[in-house]
N, C-alpha and C. Protein backbone atom coordinates (compact mmCIF):
# COMPACT_ATOMS: atom_id res chain seq x y z
N MET A 1 4.48 -2.33 -5.60
CA MET A 1 5.45 -3.36 -5.25
C MET A 1 5.77 -3.32 -3.76
N LEU A 2 5.84 -2.13 -3.18
CA LEU A 2 6.20 -2.03 -1.77
C LEU A 2 5.21 -2.74 -0.86
N GLY A 3 3.95 -2.64 -1.20
CA GLY A 3 2.93 -3.26 -0.37
C GLY A 3 3.04 -4.77 -0.28
N LEU A 4 3.64 -5.38 -1.28
CA LEU A 4 3.75 -6.83 -1.29
C LEU A 4 4.64 -7.35 -0.16
N TRP A 5 5.65 -6.58 0.24
CA TRP A 5 6.50 -7.00 1.36
C TRP A 5 5.68 -7.07 2.64
N LYS A 6 4.78 -6.12 2.83
CA LYS A 6 3.93 -6.12 4.02
C LYS A 6 3.05 -7.37 4.05
N TYR A 7 2.44 -7.67 2.90
CA TYR A 7 1.58 -8.84 2.83
C TYR A 7 2.38 -10.13 3.00
N ALA A 8 3.56 -10.17 2.43
CA ALA A 8 4.40 -11.37 2.55
C ALA A 8 4.79 -11.60 4.00
N ALA A 9 5.19 -10.55 4.69
CA ALA A 9 5.57 -10.69 6.09
C ALA A 9 4.38 -11.12 6.93
N SER A 10 3.23 -10.53 6.66
CA SER A 10 2.02 -10.90 7.40
C SER A 10 1.66 -12.36 7.17
N ASP A 11 1.68 -12.79 5.93
CA ASP A 11 1.35 -14.18 5.61
C ASP A 11 2.35 -15.15 6.24
N LEU A 12 3.62 -14.79 6.20
CA LEU A 12 4.64 -15.67 6.79
C LEU A 12 4.50 -15.75 8.31
N ARG A 13 4.14 -14.64 8.94
CA ARG A 13 3.92 -14.68 10.40
C ARG A 13 2.77 -15.62 10.74
N VAL A 14 1.69 -15.52 9.98
CA VAL A 14 0.55 -16.41 10.21
C VAL A 14 0.95 -17.86 9.97
N ALA A 15 1.69 -18.09 8.90
CA ALA A 15 2.13 -19.45 8.59
C ALA A 15 3.02 -20.01 9.69
N SER A 16 3.88 -19.16 10.26
CA SER A 16 4.76 -19.65 11.31
C SER A 16 3.99 -19.94 12.59
N ILE A 17 2.88 -19.24 12.81
CA ILE A 17 2.05 -19.52 13.98
C ILE A 17 1.31 -20.84 13.78
N ILE A 18 0.77 -21.04 12.59
CA ILE A 18 0.01 -22.25 12.30
C ILE A 18 0.91 -23.48 12.29
N ASP A 19 2.04 -23.37 11.61
CA ASP A 19 2.94 -24.51 11.48
C ASP A 19 4.37 -24.02 11.64
N SER A 20 4.90 -24.20 12.82
CA SER A 20 6.26 -23.76 13.09
C SER A 20 7.24 -24.58 12.27
N ASP A 21 7.84 -23.94 11.28
CA ASP A 21 8.71 -24.62 10.34
C ASP A 21 10.02 -23.84 10.22
N GLU A 22 11.12 -24.54 10.15
CA GLU A 22 12.43 -23.89 10.06
C GLU A 22 12.57 -23.11 8.76
N GLU A 23 12.02 -23.63 7.68
CA GLU A 23 12.11 -22.95 6.38
C GLU A 23 11.36 -21.63 6.40
N ILE A 24 10.18 -21.62 7.00
CA ILE A 24 9.40 -20.38 7.10
C ILE A 24 10.15 -19.36 7.94
N ALA A 25 10.77 -19.81 9.00
CA ALA A 25 11.54 -18.90 9.86
C ALA A 25 12.69 -18.27 9.09
N LYS A 26 13.37 -19.04 8.27
CA LYS A 26 14.48 -18.50 7.48
C LYS A 26 14.00 -17.44 6.49
N ILE A 27 12.89 -17.71 5.84
CA ILE A 27 12.35 -16.75 4.87
C ILE A 27 11.88 -15.49 5.58
N LEU A 28 11.26 -15.67 6.73
CA LEU A 28 10.77 -14.53 7.50
C LEU A 28 11.92 -13.63 7.93
N ILE A 29 13.05 -14.21 8.24
CA ILE A 29 14.23 -13.43 8.60
C ILE A 29 14.67 -12.55 7.43
N LYS A 30 14.51 -13.03 6.22
CA LYS A 30 14.88 -12.25 5.04
C LYS A 30 13.85 -11.16 4.72
N VAL A 31 12.59 -11.44 4.98
CA VAL A 31 11.52 -10.52 4.62
C VAL A 31 11.35 -9.39 5.63
N GLU A 32 11.53 -9.67 6.91
CA GLU A 32 11.26 -8.68 7.95
C GLU A 32 12.10 -7.40 7.84
N PRO A 33 13.39 -7.46 7.51
CA PRO A 33 14.14 -6.20 7.38
C PRO A 33 13.56 -5.28 6.30
N ASN A 34 13.16 -5.84 5.19
CA ASN A 34 12.55 -5.04 4.13
C ASN A 34 11.23 -4.44 4.60
N THR A 35 10.47 -5.23 5.33
CA THR A 35 9.19 -4.75 5.84
C THR A 35 9.41 -3.61 6.82
N ARG A 36 10.40 -3.75 7.70
CA ARG A 36 10.70 -2.69 8.66
C ARG A 36 11.10 -1.40 7.95
N LYS A 37 11.93 -1.52 6.93
CA LYS A 37 12.36 -0.34 6.17
C LYS A 37 11.17 0.37 5.55
N ILE A 38 10.26 -0.39 4.99
CA ILE A 38 9.08 0.19 4.35
C ILE A 38 8.19 0.85 5.39
N GLU A 39 8.01 0.20 6.54
CA GLU A 39 7.18 0.78 7.60
C GLU A 39 7.80 2.07 8.13
N GLU A 40 9.12 2.09 8.31
CA GLU A 40 9.80 3.31 8.76
C GLU A 40 9.64 4.43 7.74
N HIS A 41 9.77 4.09 6.47
CA HIS A 41 9.60 5.09 5.41
C HIS A 41 8.18 5.66 5.44
N CYS A 42 7.20 4.80 5.58
CA CYS A 42 5.81 5.25 5.62
C CYS A 42 5.55 6.14 6.82
N GLN A 43 6.13 5.79 7.98
CA GLN A 43 5.97 6.61 9.18
C GLN A 43 6.59 7.99 8.99
N LYS A 44 7.78 8.04 8.40
CA LYS A 44 8.43 9.33 8.15
C LYS A 44 7.60 10.17 7.21
N TYR A 45 7.07 9.54 6.17
CA TYR A 45 6.24 10.25 5.20
C TYR A 45 4.97 10.79 5.87
N GLN A 46 4.36 10.00 6.73
CA GLN A 46 3.16 10.44 7.44
C GLN A 46 3.48 11.60 8.37
N GLN A 47 4.64 11.54 9.04
CA GLN A 47 5.04 12.63 9.93
C GLN A 47 5.26 13.91 9.14
N LEU A 48 5.90 13.80 7.98
CA LEU A 48 6.12 14.98 7.14
C LEU A 48 4.79 15.57 6.67
N GLN A 49 3.86 14.72 6.31
CA GLN A 49 2.55 15.20 5.89
C GLN A 49 1.84 15.90 7.04
N GLU A 50 1.95 15.34 8.23
CA GLU A 50 1.32 15.93 9.41
C GLU A 50 1.94 17.30 9.71
N GLN A 51 3.25 17.40 9.61
CA GLN A 51 3.93 18.67 9.85
C GLN A 51 3.50 19.72 8.82
N GLU A 52 3.40 19.31 7.58
CA GLU A 52 2.94 20.22 6.53
C GLU A 52 1.51 20.67 6.78
N ARG A 53 0.68 19.76 7.23
CA ARG A 53 -0.72 20.09 7.51
C ARG A 53 -0.81 21.09 8.66
N LEU A 54 0.04 20.91 9.69
CA LEU A 54 0.01 21.81 10.83
C LEU A 54 0.54 23.21 10.48
N ARG A 55 1.45 23.28 9.52
CA ARG A 55 1.99 24.57 9.10
C ARG A 55 0.94 25.40 8.38
N ASP A 56 0.08 24.73 7.65
CA ASP A 56 -0.94 25.45 6.86
C ASP A 56 -2.07 25.88 7.70
């Protein structure tokens, strides 16, 4: 389920480039915070994995 936010944000960004629409911009504003949270979570998880790998 988490991956779908990434794809949604990506698709909406492309759609806004192709056809600048106010409705797309409104939806993108709602989707981007969730996408950022997921990306931050993934980065933290990757950092923790890297730290664990370096400890071993």
